[in-house]
Amino acid sequence: MNRPSHRGLAQYLERHGLADAQPRTDGSIVLMFGERLRVFARPGLRGEVVFECRLTPIDLKTRQGEDRMVRALDAAGNRWLRSSEALVLSPQEDMLLLQQPVAADSQVDEVESNLHAFVDAVGFWRSCLGVL
């Protein structure tokens, strides 16, 4: 089995009985919360782990897509100073994603705390974007 290189994430997985979780080909581990919330724990470039979740598809060529993006940017502008997550556009520019990095030297309790905050943030963003 390949263990995540992020020590705090590996300990989190052990703590929650997920130590057998197999990384995907891109190195990410999928964490499920209920049936509708999938969080990817991706390895970062500098040893951090990056939590990522798909929020909603977006088509920037339509009025609805533009309106959704404006709502998202407005909410992000009001939220960025008091939160650690980041709203990002997928490389294909067809999906809004939420990401949150967790430092490479974070211990298990910090990973768990950040993950809970991230899951809460996903709920906020899905509500804000009308995708609950």
C-alpha atoms as a PDB file:
ATOM      1  CA  MET A   1       0.000   0.000   0.000  1.00  0.00           C
ATOM      2  CA  ASN A   2       1.191   3.524  -0.763  1.00  0.00           C
ATOM      3  CA  ARG A   3       0.873   5.817   2.233  1.00  0.00           C
ATOM      4  CA  PRO A   4       0.362   9.517   1.661  1.00  0.00           C
ATOM      5  CA  SER A   5       3.619  11.424   1.997  1.00  0.00           C
ATOM      6  CA  HIS A   6       1.873  14.000   4.213  1.00  0.00           C
ATOM      7  CA  ARG A   7       2.350  12.642   7.722  1.00  0.00           C
ATOM      8  CA  GLY A   8      -0.664  14.398   9.256  1.00  0.00           C
ATOM      9  CA  LEU A   9      -2.955  13.080   6.503  1.00  0.00           C
ATOM     10  CA  ALA A  10      -1.587   9.544   6.923  1.00  0.00           C
ATOM     11  CA  GLN A  11      -2.300   9.759  10.664  1.00  0.00           C
ATOM     12  CA  TYR A  12      -5.785  11.130   9.986  1.00  0.00           C
ATOM     13  CA  LEU A  13      -6.511   8.166   7.718  1.00  0.00           C
ATOM     14  CA  GLU A  14      -5.284   5.752  10.398  1.00  0.00           C
ATOM     15  CA  ARG A  15      -7.328   7.490  13.108  1.00  0.00           C
ATOM     16  CA  HIS A  16     -10.515   7.058  11.064  1.00  0.00           C
ATOM     17  CA  GLY A  17      -9.920   3.506   9.869  1.00  0.00           C
ATOM     18  CA  LEU A  18      -9.048   4.602   6.343  1.00  0.00           C
ATOM     19  CA  ALA A  19      -5.404   3.550   6.336  1.00  0.00           C
ATOM     20  CA  ASP A  20      -6.108   1.142   3.466  1.00  0.00           C
ATOM     21  CA  ALA A  21      -7.341   3.943   1.186  1.00  0.00           C
ATOM     22  CA  GLN A  22      -5.474   3.654  -2.094  1.00  0.00           C
ATOM     23  CA  PRO A  23      -4.187   6.798  -3.770  1.00  0.00           C
ATOM     24  CA  ARG A  24      -5.447   7.458  -7.288  1.00  0.00           C
ATOM     25  CA  THR A  25      -2.991   7.689 -10.166  1.00  0.00           C
ATOM     26  CA  ASP A  26      -2.547  11.422  -9.511  1.00  0.00           C
ATOM     27  CA  GLY A  27      -1.621  10.711  -5.866  1.00  0.00           C
ATOM     28  CA  SER A  28      -4.899  12.006  -4.425  1.00  0.00           C
ATOM     29  CA  ILE A  29      -7.006  10.185  -1.872  1.00  0.00           C
ATOM     30  CA  VAL A  30     -10.787  10.467  -2.035  1.00  0.00           C
ATOM     31  CA  LEU A  31     -12.597  11.105   1.245  1.00  0.00           C
ATOM     32  CA  MET A  32     -16.371  10.612   1.264  1.00  0.00           C
ATOM     33  CA  PHE A  33     -18.688  12.498   3.605  1.00  0.00           C
ATOM     34  CA  GLY A  34     -22.152  11.054   3.215  1.00  0.00           C
ATOM     35  CA  GLU A  35     -23.253  10.177  -0.285  1.00  0.00           C
ATOM     36  CA  ARG A  36     -22.957  13.617  -1.890  1.00  0.00           C
ATOM     37  CA  LEU A  37     -19.678  15.078  -0.685  1.00  0.00           C
ATOM     38  CA  ARG A  38     -16.389  13.888  -2.118  1.00  0.00           C
ATOM     39  CA  VAL A  39     -13.194  15.624  -1.015  1.00  0.00           C
ATOM     40  CA  PHE A  40      -9.933  14.972  -2.821  1.00  0.00           C
ATOM     41  CA  ALA A  41      -6.807  15.169  -0.663  1.00  0.00           C
ATOM     42  CA  ARG A  42      -4.160  16.003  -3.263  1.00  0.00           C
ATOM     43  CA  PRO A  43      -0.411  16.184  -2.759  1.00  0.00           C
ATOM     44  CA  GLY A  44       0.854  19.754  -3.096  1.00  0.00           C
ATOM     45  CA  LEU A  45       4.050  20.916  -4.760  1.00  0.00           C
ATOM     46  CA  ARG A  46       5.844  21.765  -1.500  1.00  0.00           C
ATOM     47  CA  GLY A  47       4.755  18.812   0.622  1.00  0.00           C
ATOM     48  CA  GLU A  48       1.426  20.283   1.683  1.00  0.00           C
ATOM     49  CA  VAL A  49      -1.862  18.507   1.175  1.00  0.00           C
ATOM     50  CA  VAL A  50      -4.579  20.335  -0.752  1.00  0.00           C
ATOM     51  CA  PHE A  51      -8.218  19.562  -0.071  1.00  0.00           C
ATOM     52  CA  GLU A  52     -10.321  19.986  -3.200  1.00  0.00           C
ATOM     53  CA  CYS A  53     -14.002  19.624  -3.960  1.00  0.00           C
ATOM     54  CA  ARG A  54     -16.029  20.212  -7.100  1.00  0.00           C
ATOM     55  CA  LEU A  55     -18.722  22.779  -6.444  1.00  0.00           C
ATOM     56  CA  THR A  56     -20.653  23.177  -9.678  1.00  0.00           C
ATOM     57  CA  PRO A  57     -20.286  22.960 -13.435  1.00  0.00           C
ATOM     58  CA  ILE A  58     -20.090  26.349 -15.103  1.00  0.00           C
ATOM     59  CA  ASP A  59     -20.475  27.406 -18.708  1.00  0.00           C
ATOM     60  CA  LEU A  60     -19.019  30.873 -19.105  1.00  0.00           C
ATOM     61  CA  LYS A  61     -20.498  31.174 -22.590  1.00  0.00           C
ATOM     62  CA  THR A  62     -24.037  31.389 -21.199  1.00  0.00           C
ATOM     63  CA  ARG A  63     -25.796  34.104 -19.248  1.00  0.00           C
ATOM     64  CA  GLN A  64     -26.524  31.634 -16.422  1.00  0.00           C
ATOM     65  CA  GLY A  65     -22.831  30.723 -16.212  1.00  0.00           C
ATOM     66  CA  GLU A  66     -21.804  34.372 -16.163  1.00  0.00           C
ATOM     67  CA  ASP A  67     -24.341  35.129 -13.427  1.00  0.00           C
ATOM     68  CA  ARG A  68     -23.109  32.204 -11.347  1.00  0.00           C
ATOM     69  CA  MET A  69     -19.514  33.403 -11.721  1.00  0.00           C
ATOM     70  CA  VAL A  70     -20.443  36.950 -10.681  1.00  0.00           C
ATOM     71  CA  ARG A  71     -22.209  35.576  -7.557  1.00  0.00           C
ATOM     72  CA  ALA A  72     -19.176  33.437  -6.781  1.00  0.00           C
ATOM     73  CA  LEU A  73     -16.700  36.290  -7.190  1.00  0.00           C
ATOM     74  CA  ASP A  74     -18.854  38.596  -5.077  1.00  0.00           C
ATOM     75  CA  ALA A  75     -19.025  36.035  -2.269  1.00  0.00           C
ATOM     76  CA  ALA A  76     -15.292  35.293  -2.553  1.00  0.00           C
ATOM     77  CA  GLY A  77     -14.497  38.993  -2.291  1.00  0.00           C
ATOM     78  CA  ASN A  78     -16.483  39.218   0.940  1.00  0.00           C
ATOM     79  CA  ARG A  79     -15.013  36.027   2.387  1.00  0.00           C
ATOM     80  CA  TRP A  80     -11.303  35.910   1.528  1.00  0.00           C
ATOM     81  CA  LEU A  81      -9.962  37.698   4.623  1.00  0.00           C
ATOM     82  CA  ARG A  82     -11.684  35.377   7.088  1.00  0.00           C
ATOM     83  CA  SER A  83     -11.301  31.984   5.428  1.00  0.00           C
ATOM     84  CA  SER A  84      -8.484  29.827   4.145  1.00  0.00           C
ATOM     85  CA  GLU A  85     -10.229  28.164   1.216  1.00  0.00           C
ATOM     86  CA  ALA A  86      -9.914  29.410  -2.350  1.00  0.00           C
ATOM     87  CA  LEU A  87     -12.477  29.354  -5.121  1.00  0.00           C
ATOM     88  CA  VAL A  88     -10.806  28.277  -8.371  1.00  0.00           C
ATOM     89  CA  LEU A  89     -11.778  27.505 -11.944  1.00  0.00           C
ATOM     90  CA  SER A  90     -10.836  24.068 -13.268  1.00  0.00           C
ATOM     91  CA  PRO A  91      -8.079  23.900 -15.905  1.00  0.00           C
ATOM     92  CA  GLN A  92     -10.784  23.116 -18.495  1.00  0.00           C
ATOM     93  CA  GLU A  93     -12.712  26.219 -17.329  1.00  0.00           C
ATOM     94  CA  ASP A  94     -15.911  24.213 -16.940  1.00  0.00           C
ATOM     95  CA  MET A  95     -16.098  23.630 -13.174  1.00  0.00           C
ATOM     96  CA  LEU A  96     -15.859  25.762 -10.051  1.00  0.00           C
ATOM     97  CA  LEU A  97     -13.694  24.074  -7.432  1.00  0.00           C
ATOM     98  CA  LEU A  98     -12.903  24.826  -3.835  1.00  0.00           C
ATOM     99  CA  GLN A  99      -9.371  24.246  -2.547  1.00  0.00           C
ATOM    100  CA  GLN A 100      -7.655  24.584   0.802  1.00  0.00           C
ATOM    101  CA  PRO A 101      -3.971  23.896   1.427  1.00  0.00           C
ATOM    102  CA  VAL A 102      -2.742  22.389   4.690  1.00  0.00           C
ATOM    103  CA  ALA A 103       0.924  22.972   5.536  1.00  0.00           C
ATOM    104  CA  ALA A 104       3.410  20.142   5.037  1.00  0.00           C
ATOM    105  CA  ASP A 105       4.333  20.038   8.727  1.00  0.00           C
ATOM    106  CA  SER A 106       0.719  19.928   9.990  1.00  0.00           C
ATOM    107  CA  GLN A 107      -0.037  17.297  12.586  1.00  0.00           C
ATOM    108  CA  VAL A 108      -3.100  15.055  12.562  1.00  0.00           C
ATOM    109  CA  ASP A 109      -5.257  17.348  14.725  1.00  0.00           C
ATOM    110  CA  GLU A 110      -4.563  20.310  12.449  1.00  0.00           C
ATOM    111  CA  VAL A 111      -5.375  18.218   9.370  1.00  0.00           C
ATOM    112  CA  GLU A 112      -8.644  17.116  10.935  1.00  0.00           C
ATOM    113  CA  SER A 113      -9.565  20.647  12.002  1.00  0.00           C
ATOM    114  CA  ASN A 114      -8.808  22.003   8.526  1.00  0.00           C
ATOM    115  CA  LEU A 115     -10.799  19.210   6.909  1.00  0.00           C
ATOM    116  CA  HIS A 116     -13.861  19.953   9.072  1.00  0.00           C
ATOM    117  CA  ALA A 117     -13.591  23.660   8.245  1.00  0.00           C
ATOM    118  CA  PHE A 118     -13.255  22.778   4.557  1.00  0.00           C
ATOM    119  CA  VAL A 119     -16.359  20.581   4.602  1.00  0.00           C
ATOM    120  CA  ASP A 120     -18.269  23.447   6.256  1.00  0.00           C
ATOM    121  CA  ALA A 121     -16.963  25.831   3.586  1.00  0.00           C
ATOM    122  CA  VAL A 122     -18.143  23.476   0.831  1.00  0.00           C
ATOM    123  CA  GLY A 123     -21.636  23.658   2.347  1.00  0.00           C
ATOM    124  CA  PHE A 124     -21.473  27.456   2.370  1.00  0.00           C
ATOM    125  CA  TRP A 125     -20.340  27.638  -1.265  1.00  0.00           C
ATOM    126  CA  ARG A 126     -22.889  25.116  -2.516  1.00  0.00           C
ATOM    127  CA  SER A 127     -25.624  27.063  -0.782  1.00  0.00           C
ATOM    128  CA  CYS A 128     -24.319  30.362  -2.128  1.00  0.00           C
ATOM    129  CA  LEU A 129     -24.222  28.959  -5.674  1.00  0.00           C
ATOM    130  CA  GLY A 130     -27.611  27.246  -5.404  1.00  0.00           C
ATOM    131  CA  VAL A 131     -26.332  23.694  -5.784  1.00  0.00           C
ATOM    132  CA  LEU A 132     -27.543  22.001  -2.616  1.00  0.00           C
END
